[in-house]
Amino acid sequence: MDLESLLYKNNQFEYVSNKAFIGESIIYDLTGKTIMNLGIQNFIVGKNYIRVNQNLPLGIYILSIKSGTEQFSYKFLVE
């Protein structure tokens, strides 16, 4: 999967991908502790929105997207 962009703002991710797939999104802290499971959703080619149902404290986190046997992880900052 090629990531074109990932933006976190106003309690949601804007995730742009050039592939369509079904994936599960999970937020971890930097120690690997699960902070929040955002569920399974269909991702389309182009813009996808992943909603976060609560405010995250300031800090650095990891968004992991699992699709089948593949897992992709991206660091993001909450300011």
PDB file of N, CA and C in Angstrom:
ATOM      1  N   MET A   1       0.863  -1.179   0.000  1.00  0.00           N
ATOM      2  CA  MET A   1       0.000   0.000   0.000  1.00  0.00           C
ATOM      3  C   MET A   1       0.901   1.232   0.000  1.00  0.00           C
ATOM      4  N   ASP A   2       0.643   2.144  -0.888  1.00  0.00           N
ATOM      5  CA  ASP A   2       1.391   3.394  -0.926  1.00  0.00           C
ATOM      6  C   ASP A   2       0.579   4.481  -0.255  1.00  0.00           C
ATOM      7  N   LEU A   3       1.176   5.117   0.720  1.00  0.00           N
ATOM      8  CA  LEU A   3       0.514   6.207   1.422  1.00  0.00           C
ATOM      9  C   LEU A   3       0.833   7.498   0.695  1.00  0.00           C
ATOM     10  N   GLU A   4      -0.184   8.239   0.349  1.00  0.00           N
ATOM     11  CA  GLU A   4       0.028   9.530  -0.279  1.00  0.00           C
ATOM     12  C   GLU A   4       0.009  10.630   0.766  1.00  0.00           C
ATOM     13  N   SER A   5      -0.901  10.532   1.779  1.00  0.00           N
ATOM     14  CA  SER A   5      -0.881  11.528   2.853  1.00  0.00           C
ATOM     15  C   SER A   5      -1.704  11.054   4.036  1.00  0.00           C
ATOM     16  N   LEU A   6      -1.320  11.527   5.217  1.00  0.00           N
ATOM     17  CA  LEU A   6      -2.044  11.268   6.453  1.00  0.00           C
ATOM     18  C   LEU A   6      -2.031  12.567   7.242  1.00  0.00           C
ATOM     19  N   LEU A   7      -3.219  13.048   7.597  1.00  0.00           N
ATOM     20  CA  LEU A   7      -3.348  14.298   8.345  1.00  0.00           C
ATOM     21  C   LEU A   7      -4.297  14.059   9.505  1.00  0.00           C
ATOM     22  N   TYR A   8      -3.879  14.445  10.720  1.00  0.00           N
ATOM     23  CA  TYR A   8      -4.757  14.351  11.886  1.00  0.00           C
ATOM     24  C   TYR A   8      -5.153  15.756  12.295  1.00  0.00           C
ATOM     25  N   LYS A   9      -6.462  16.013  12.333  1.00  0.00           N
ATOM     26  CA  LYS A   9      -6.959  17.333  12.704  1.00  0.00           C
ATOM     27  C   LYS A   9      -8.403  17.200  13.156  1.00  0.00           C
ATOM     28  N   ASN A  10      -8.769  17.927  14.208  1.00  0.00           N
ATOM     29  CA  ASN A  10     -10.154  17.953  14.704  1.00  0.00           C
ATOM     30  C   ASN A  10     -10.730  16.551  14.952  1.00  0.00           C
ATOM     31  N   ASN A  11      -9.951  15.727  15.636  1.00  0.00           N
ATOM     32  CA  ASN A  11     -10.375  14.370  16.016  1.00  0.00           C
ATOM     33  C   ASN A  11     -10.711  13.465  14.834  1.00  0.00           C
ATOM     34  N   GLN A  12     -10.024  13.651  13.722  1.00  0.00           N
ATOM     35  CA  GLN A  12     -10.171  12.707  12.623  1.00  0.00           C
ATOM     36  C   GLN A  12      -8.913  12.705  11.769  1.00  0.00           C
ATOM     37  N   PHE A  13      -8.694  11.573  11.127  1.00  0.00           N
ATOM     38  CA  PHE A  13      -7.600  11.447  10.169  1.00  0.00           C
ATOM     39  C   PHE A  13      -8.162  11.622   8.775  1.00  0.00           C
ATOM     40  N   GLU A  14      -7.406  12.308   7.954  1.00  0.00           N
ATOM     41  CA  GLU A  14      -7.670  12.308   6.518  1.00  0.00           C
ATOM     42  C   GLU A  14      -6.558  11.454   5.931  1.00  0.00           C
ATOM     43  N   TYR A  15      -6.931  10.318   5.423  1.00  0.00           N
ATOM     44  CA  TYR A  15      -5.984   9.325   4.932  1.00  0.00           C
ATOM     45  C   TYR A  15      -6.200   9.165   3.438  1.00  0.00           C
ATOM     46  N   VAL A  16      -5.172   9.445   2.657  1.00  0.00           N
ATOM     47  CA  VAL A  16      -5.274   9.348   1.202  1.00  0.00           C
ATOM     48  C   VAL A  16      -4.416   8.172   0.745  1.00  0.00           C
ATOM     49  N   SER A  17      -5.040   7.259   0.027  1.00  0.00           N
ATOM     50  CA  SER A  17      -4.344   6.071  -0.446  1.00  0.00           C
ATOM     51  C   SER A  17      -4.623   5.869  -1.926  1.00  0.00           C
ATOM     52  N   ASN A  18      -3.715   5.173  -2.591  1.00  0.00           N
ATOM     53  CA  ASN A  18      -3.943   4.879  -4.012  1.00  0.00           C
ATOM     54  C   ASN A  18      -4.430   3.448  -4.212  1.00  0.00           C
ATOM     55  N   LYS A  19      -4.847   2.777  -3.102  1.00  0.00           N
ATOM     56  CA  LYS A  19      -5.379   1.413  -3.191  1.00  0.00           C
ATOM     57  C   LYS A  19      -6.659   1.301  -2.372  1.00  0.00           C
ATOM     58  N   ALA A  20      -7.540   0.425  -2.791  1.00  0.00           N
ATOM     59  CA  ALA A  20      -8.759   0.139  -2.039  1.00  0.00           C
ATOM     60  C   ALA A  20      -8.543  -1.152  -1.256  1.00  0.00           C
ATOM     61  N   PHE A  21      -8.986  -1.169   0.010  1.00  0.00           N
ATOM     62  CA  PHE A  21      -8.817  -2.342   0.851  1.00  0.00           C
ATOM     63  C   PHE A  21      -9.716  -2.223   2.074  1.00  0.00           C
ATOM     64  N   ILE A  22      -9.835  -3.305   2.835  1.00  0.00           N
ATOM     65  CA  ILE A  22     -10.545  -3.296   4.110  1.00  0.00           C
ATOM     66  C   ILE A  22      -9.487  -3.377   5.192  1.00  0.00           C
ATOM     67  N   GLY A  23      -9.560  -2.478   6.181  1.00  0.00           N
ATOM     68  CA  GLY A  23      -8.536  -2.456   7.210  1.00  0.00           C
ATOM     69  C   GLY A  23      -9.073  -2.070   8.570  1.00  0.00           C
ATOM     70  N   GLU A  24      -8.333  -2.464   9.601  1.00  0.00           N
ATOM     71  CA  GLU A  24      -8.654  -2.114  10.980  1.00  0.00           C
ATOM     72  C   GLU A  24      -7.654  -1.063  11.441  1.00  0.00           C
ATOM     73  N   SER A  25      -8.156   0.018  12.030  1.00  0.00           N
ATOM     74  CA  SER A  25      -7.310   1.124  12.486  1.00  0.00           C
ATOM     75  C   SER A  25      -7.218   1.119  14.006  1.00  0.00           C
ATOM     76  N   ILE A  26      -5.979   1.187  14.516  1.00  0.00           N
ATOM     77  CA  ILE A  26      -5.740   1.181  15.959  1.00  0.00           C
ATOM     78  C   ILE A  26      -4.713   2.258  16.280  1.00  0.00           C
ATOM     79  N   ILE A  27      -4.955   3.001  17.369  1.00  0.00           N
ATOM     80  CA  ILE A  27      -3.999   4.008  17.834  1.00  0.00           C
ATOM     81  C   ILE A  27      -3.241   3.438  19.027  1.00  0.00           C
ATOM     82  N   TYR A  28      -1.914   3.566  18.987  1.00  0.00           N
ATOM     83  CA  TYR A  28      -1.029   3.122  20.059  1.00  0.00           C
ATOM     84  C   TYR A  28      -0.242   4.311  20.585  1.00  0.00           C
ATOM     85  N   ASP A  29       0.229   4.210  21.854  1.00  0.00           N
ATOM     86  CA  ASP A  29       1.202   5.187  22.310  1.00  0.00           C
ATOM     87  C   ASP A  29       2.585   4.670  21.914  1.00  0.00           C
ATOM     88  N   LEU A  30       3.644   5.418  22.224  1.00  0.00           N
ATOM     89  CA  LEU A  30       4.983   5.030  21.780  1.00  0.00           C
ATOM     90  C   LEU A  30       5.532   3.815  22.515  1.00  0.00           C
ATOM     91  N   THR A  31       4.883   3.387  23.611  1.00  0.00           N
ATOM     92  CA  THR A  31       5.315   2.171  24.311  1.00  0.00           C
ATOM     93  C   THR A  31       4.663   0.928  23.723  1.00  0.00           C
ATOM     94  N   GLY A  32       3.721   1.108  22.801  1.00  0.00           N
ATOM     95  CA  GLY A  32       3.028  -0.014  22.188  1.00  0.00           C
ATOM     96  C   GLY A  32       1.697  -0.329  22.833  1.00  0.00           C
ATOM     97  N   LYS A  33       1.304   0.447  23.836  1.00  0.00           N
ATOM     98  CA  LYS A  33       0.019   0.242  24.507  1.00  0.00           C
ATOM     99  C   LYS A  33      -1.109   0.722  23.595  1.00  0.00           C
ATOM    100  N   THR A  34      -2.162  -0.101  23.471  1.00  0.00           N
ATOM    101  CA  THR A  34      -3.324   0.283  22.672  1.00  0.00           C
ATOM    102  C   THR A  34      -4.071   1.411  23.363  1.00  0.00           C
ATOM    103  N   ILE A  35      -4.273   2.502  22.662  1.00  0.00           N
ATOM    104  CA  ILE A  35      -5.021   3.651  23.176  1.00  0.00           C
ATOM    105  C   ILE A  35      -6.476   3.553  22.737  1.00  0.00           C
ATOM    106  N   MET A  36      -6.699   3.174  21.484  1.00  0.00           N
ATOM    107  CA  MET A  36      -8.054   3.152  20.958  1.00  0.00           C
ATOM    108  C   MET A  36      -8.119   2.302  19.691  1.00  0.00           C
ATOM    109  N   ASN A  37      -9.135   1.442  19.608  1.00  0.00           N
ATOM    110  CA  ASN A  37      -9.405   0.697  18.387  1.00  0.00           C
ATOM    111  C   ASN A  37     -10.498   1.463  17.646  1.00  0.00           C
ATOM    112  N   LEU A  38     -10.189   1.913  16.449  1.00  0.00           N
ATOM    113  CA  LEU A  38     -11.121   2.723  15.667  1.00  0.00           C
ATOM    114  C   LEU A  38     -11.995   1.883  14.747  1.00  0.00           C
ATOM    115  N   GLY A  39     -11.815   0.574  14.760  1.00  0.00           N
ATOM    116  CA  GLY A  39     -12.686  -0.315  14.018  1.00  0.00           C
ATOM    117  C   GLY A  39     -12.206  -0.653  12.620  1.00  0.00           C
ATOM    118  N   ILE A  40     -13.036  -1.434  11.960  1.00  0.00           N
ATOM    119  CA  ILE A  40     -12.761  -1.893  10.598  1.00  0.00           C
ATOM    120  C   ILE A  40     -13.583  -1.059   9.634  1.00  0.00           C
ATOM    121  N   GLN A  41     -12.953  -0.663   8.544  1.00  0.00           N
ATOM    122  CA  GLN A  41     -13.687   0.095   7.540  1.00  0.00           C
ATOM    123  C   GLN A  41     -13.153  -0.200   6.156  1.00  0.00           C
ATOM    124  N   ASN A  42     -13.958   0.122   5.166  1.00  0.00           N
ATOM    125  CA  ASN A  42     -13.543   0.022   3.772  1.00  0.00           C
ATOM    126  C   ASN A  42     -12.801   1.293   3.408  1.00  0.00           C
ATOM    127  N   PHE A  43     -11.608   1.139   2.876  1.00  0.00           N
ATOM    128  CA  PHE A  43     -10.842   2.275   2.381  1.00  0.00           C
ATOM    129  C   PHE A  43     -10.957   2.297   0.869  1.00  0.00           C
ATOM    130  N   ILE A  44     -11.142   3.478   0.326  1.00  0.00           N
ATOM    131  CA  ILE A  44     -11.289   3.636  -1.121  1.00  0.00           C
ATOM    132  C   ILE A  44     -10.049   4.331  -1.674  1.00  0.00           C
ATOM    133  N   VAL A  45      -9.902   4.290  -2.981  1.00  0.00           N
ATOM    134  CA  VAL A  45      -8.845   5.056  -3.624  1.00  0.00           C
ATOM    135  C   VAL A  45      -9.204   6.524  -3.471  1.00  0.00           C
ATOM    136  N   GLY A  46      -8.302   7.300  -2.933  1.00  0.00           N
ATOM    137  CA  GLY A  46      -8.557   8.720  -2.694  1.00  0.00           C
ATOM    138  C   GLY A  46      -8.660   9.008  -1.213  1.00  0.00           C
ATOM    139  N   LYS A  47      -9.493  10.004  -0.850  1.00  0.00           N
ATOM    140  CA  LYS A  47      -9.607  10.449   0.545  1.00  0.00           C
ATOM    141  C   LYS A  47     -10.503   9.524   1.361  1.00  0.00           C
ATOM    142  N   ASN A  48     -10.004   9.175   2.530  1.00  0.00           N
ATOM    143  CA  ASN A  48     -10.750   8.389   3.507  1.00  0.00           C
ATOM    144  C   ASN A  48     -10.700   9.149   4.824  1.00  0.00           C
ATOM    145  N   TYR A  49     -11.766   9.071   5.593  1.00  0.00           N
ATOM    146  CA  TYR A  49     -11.796   9.750   6.887  1.00  0.00           C
ATOM    147  C   TYR A  49     -11.958   8.711   7.987  1.00  0.00           C
ATOM    148  N   ILE A  50     -11.085   8.782   8.980  1.00  0.00           N
ATOM    149  CA  ILE A  50     -11.129   7.890  10.133  1.00  0.00           C
ATOM    150  C   ILE A  50     -11.428   8.765  11.334  1.00  0.00           C
ATOM    151  N   ARG A  51     -12.582   8.583  11.936  1.00  0.00           N
ATOM    152  CA  ARG A  51     -12.993   9.414  13.071  1.00  0.00           C
ATOM    153  C   ARG A  51     -12.459   8.860  14.389  1.00  0.00           C
ATOM    154  N   VAL A  52     -12.035   9.780  15.253  1.00  0.00           N
ATOM    155  CA  VAL A  52     -11.589   9.447  16.603  1.00  0.00           C
ATOM    156  C   VAL A  52     -12.670   9.964  17.545  1.00  0.00           C
ATOM    157  N   ASN A  53     -13.247   9.091  18.364  1.00  0.00           N
ATOM    158  CA  ASN A  53     -14.424   9.439  19.157  1.00  0.00           C
ATOM    159  C   ASN A  53     -14.140  10.194  20.441  1.00  0.00           C
ATOM    160  N   GLN A  54     -12.891  10.475  20.740  1.00  0.00           N
ATOM    161  CA  GLN A  54     -12.567  11.245  21.938  1.00  0.00           C
ATOM    162  C   GLN A  54     -11.301  12.044  21.684  1.00  0.00           C
ATOM    163  N   ASN A  55     -11.096  13.073  22.488  1.00  0.00           N
ATOM    164  CA  ASN A  55      -9.883  13.873  22.363  1.00  0.00           C
ATOM    165  C   ASN A  55      -8.686  13.075  22.853  1.00  0.00           C
ATOM    166  N   LEU A  56      -7.598  13.149  22.120  1.00  0.00           N
ATOM    167  CA  LEU A  56      -6.355  12.530  22.555  1.00  0.00           C
ATOM    168  C   LEU A  56      -5.524  13.570  23.296  1.00  0.00           C
ATOM    169  N   PRO A  57      -4.874  13.186  24.398  1.00  0.00           N
ATOM    170  CA  PRO A  57      -3.971  14.123  25.076  1.00  0.00           C
ATOM    171  C   PRO A  57      -2.821  14.510  24.144  1.00  0.00           C
ATOM    172  N   LEU A  58      -2.205  15.651  24.409  1.00  0.00           N
ATOM    173  CA  LEU A  58      -1.069  16.084  23.605  1.00  0.00           C
ATOM    174  C   LEU A  58       0.001  15.007  23.620  1.00  0.00           C
ATOM    175  N   GLY A  59       0.634  14.780  22.485  1.00  0.00           N
ATOM    176  CA  GLY A  59       1.700  13.788  22.428  1.00  0.00           C
ATOM    177  C   GLY A  59       1.870  13.203  21.049  1.00  0.00           C
ATOM    178  N   ILE A  60       2.737  12.194  20.991  1.00  0.00           N
ATOM    179  CA  ILE A  60       3.032  11.493  19.743  1.00  0.00           C
ATOM    180  C   ILE A  60       2.424  10.101  19.849  1.00  0.00           C
ATOM    181  N   TYR A  61       1.750   9.681  18.794  1.00  0.00           N
ATOM    182  CA  TYR A  61       1.062   8.398  18.756  1.00  0.00           C
ATOM    183  C   TYR A  61       1.393   7.677  17.457  1.00  0.00           C
ATOM    184  N   ILE A  62       0.941   6.450  17.382  1.00  0.00           N
ATOM    185  CA  ILE A  62       1.114   5.647  16.170  1.00  0.00           C
ATOM    186  C   ILE A  62      -0.262   5.178  15.711  1.00  0.00           C
ATOM    187  N   LEU A  63      -0.577   5.428  14.450  1.00  0.00           N
ATOM    188  CA  LEU A  63      -1.782   4.882  13.834  1.00  0.00           C
ATOM    189  C   LEU A  63      -1.351   3.642  13.070  1.00  0.00           C
ATOM    190  N   SER A  64      -1.946   2.514  13.412  1.00  0.00           N
ATOM    191  CA  SER A  64      -1.654   1.255  12.735  1.00  0.00           C
ATOM    192  C   SER A  64      -2.892   0.850  11.945  1.00  0.00           C
ATOM    193  N   ILE A  65      -2.690   0.508  10.690  1.00  0.00           N
ATOM    194  CA  ILE A  65      -3.777   0.021   9.850  1.00  0.00           C
ATOM    195  C   ILE A  65      -3.407  -1.388   9.423  1.00  0.00           C
ATOM    196  N   LYS A  66      -4.240  -2.344   9.841  1.00  0.00           N
ATOM    197  CA  LYS A  66      -4.003  -3.754   9.531  1.00  0.00           C
ATOM    198  C   LYS A  66      -4.947  -4.170   8.417  1.00  0.00           C
ATOM    199  N   SER A  67      -4.388  -4.795   7.398  1.00  0.00           N
ATOM    200  CA  SER A  67      -5.178  -5.270   6.266  1.00  0.00           C
ATOM    201  C   SER A  67      -4.706  -6.675   5.923  1.00  0.00           C
ATOM    202  N   GLY A  68      -5.518  -7.673   6.243  1.00  0.00           N
ATOM    203  CA  GLY A  68      -5.113  -9.053   5.983  1.00  0.00           C
ATOM    204  C   GLY A  68      -3.861  -9.392   6.767  1.00  0.00           C
ATOM    205  N   THR A  69      -2.815  -9.780   6.076  1.00  0.00           N
ATOM    206  CA  THR A  69      -1.555 -10.113   6.740  1.00  0.00           C
ATOM    207  C   THR A  69      -0.591  -8.931   6.783  1.00  0.00           C
ATOM    208  N   GLU A  70      -0.996  -7.796   6.238  1.00  0.00           N
ATOM    209  CA  GLU A  70      -0.135  -6.608   6.215  1.00  0.00           C
ATOM    210  C   GLU A  70      -0.524  -5.643   7.325  1.00  0.00           C
ATOM    211  N   GLN A  71       0.480  -4.923   7.825  1.00  0.00           N
ATOM    212  CA  GLN A  71       0.236  -3.883   8.831  1.00  0.00           C
ATOM    213  C   GLN A  71       1.114  -2.690   8.490  1.00  0.00           C
ATOM    214  N   PHE A  72       0.507  -1.503   8.534  1.00  0.00           N
ATOM    215  CA  PHE A  72       1.209  -0.270   8.218  1.00  0.00           C
ATOM    216  C   PHE A  72       1.070   0.658   9.412  1.00  0.00           C
ATOM    217  N   SER A  73       2.171   1.275   9.833  1.00  0.00           N
ATOM    218  CA  SER A  73       2.145   2.138  11.002  1.00  0.00           C
ATOM    219  C   SER A  73       2.691   3.510  10.663  1.00  0.00           C
ATOM    220  N   TYR A  74       2.019   4.547  11.204  1.00  0.00           N
ATOM    221  CA  TYR A  74       2.389   5.935  10.914  1.00  0.00           C
ATOM    222  C   TYR A  74       2.367   6.734  12.204  1.00  0.00           C
ATOM    223  N   LYS A  75       3.438   7.473  12.467  1.00  0.00           N
ATOM    224  CA  LYS A  75       3.474   8.343  13.643  1.00  0.00           C
ATOM    225  C   LYS A  75       2.721   9.625  13.331  1.00  0.00           C
ATOM    226  N   PHE A  76       2.039  10.155  14.368  1.00  0.00           N
ATOM    227  CA  PHE A  76       1.381  11.446  14.212  1.00  0.00           C
ATOM    228  C   PHE A  76       1.437  12.195  15.540  1.00  0.00           C
ATOM    229  N   LEU A  77       1.296  13.495  15.465  1.00  0.00           N
ATOM    230  CA  LEU A  77       1.433  14.393  16.608  1.00  0.00           C
ATOM    231  C   LEU A  77       0.105  15.037  16.915  1.00  0.00           C
ATOM    232  N   VAL A  78      -0.254  15.055  18.204  1.00  0.00           N
ATOM    233  CA  VAL A  78      -1.427  15.800  18.664  1.00  0.00           C
ATOM    234  C   VAL A  78      -0.895  17.020  19.389  1.00  0.00           C
ATOM    235  N   GLU A  79      -1.208  18.209  18.866  1.00  0.00           N
ATOM    236  CA  GLU A  79      -0.711  19.453  19.469  1.00  0.00           C
ATOM    237  C   GLU A  79      -1.845  20.222  20.103  1.00  0.00           C
TER     238      GLU A  79
END
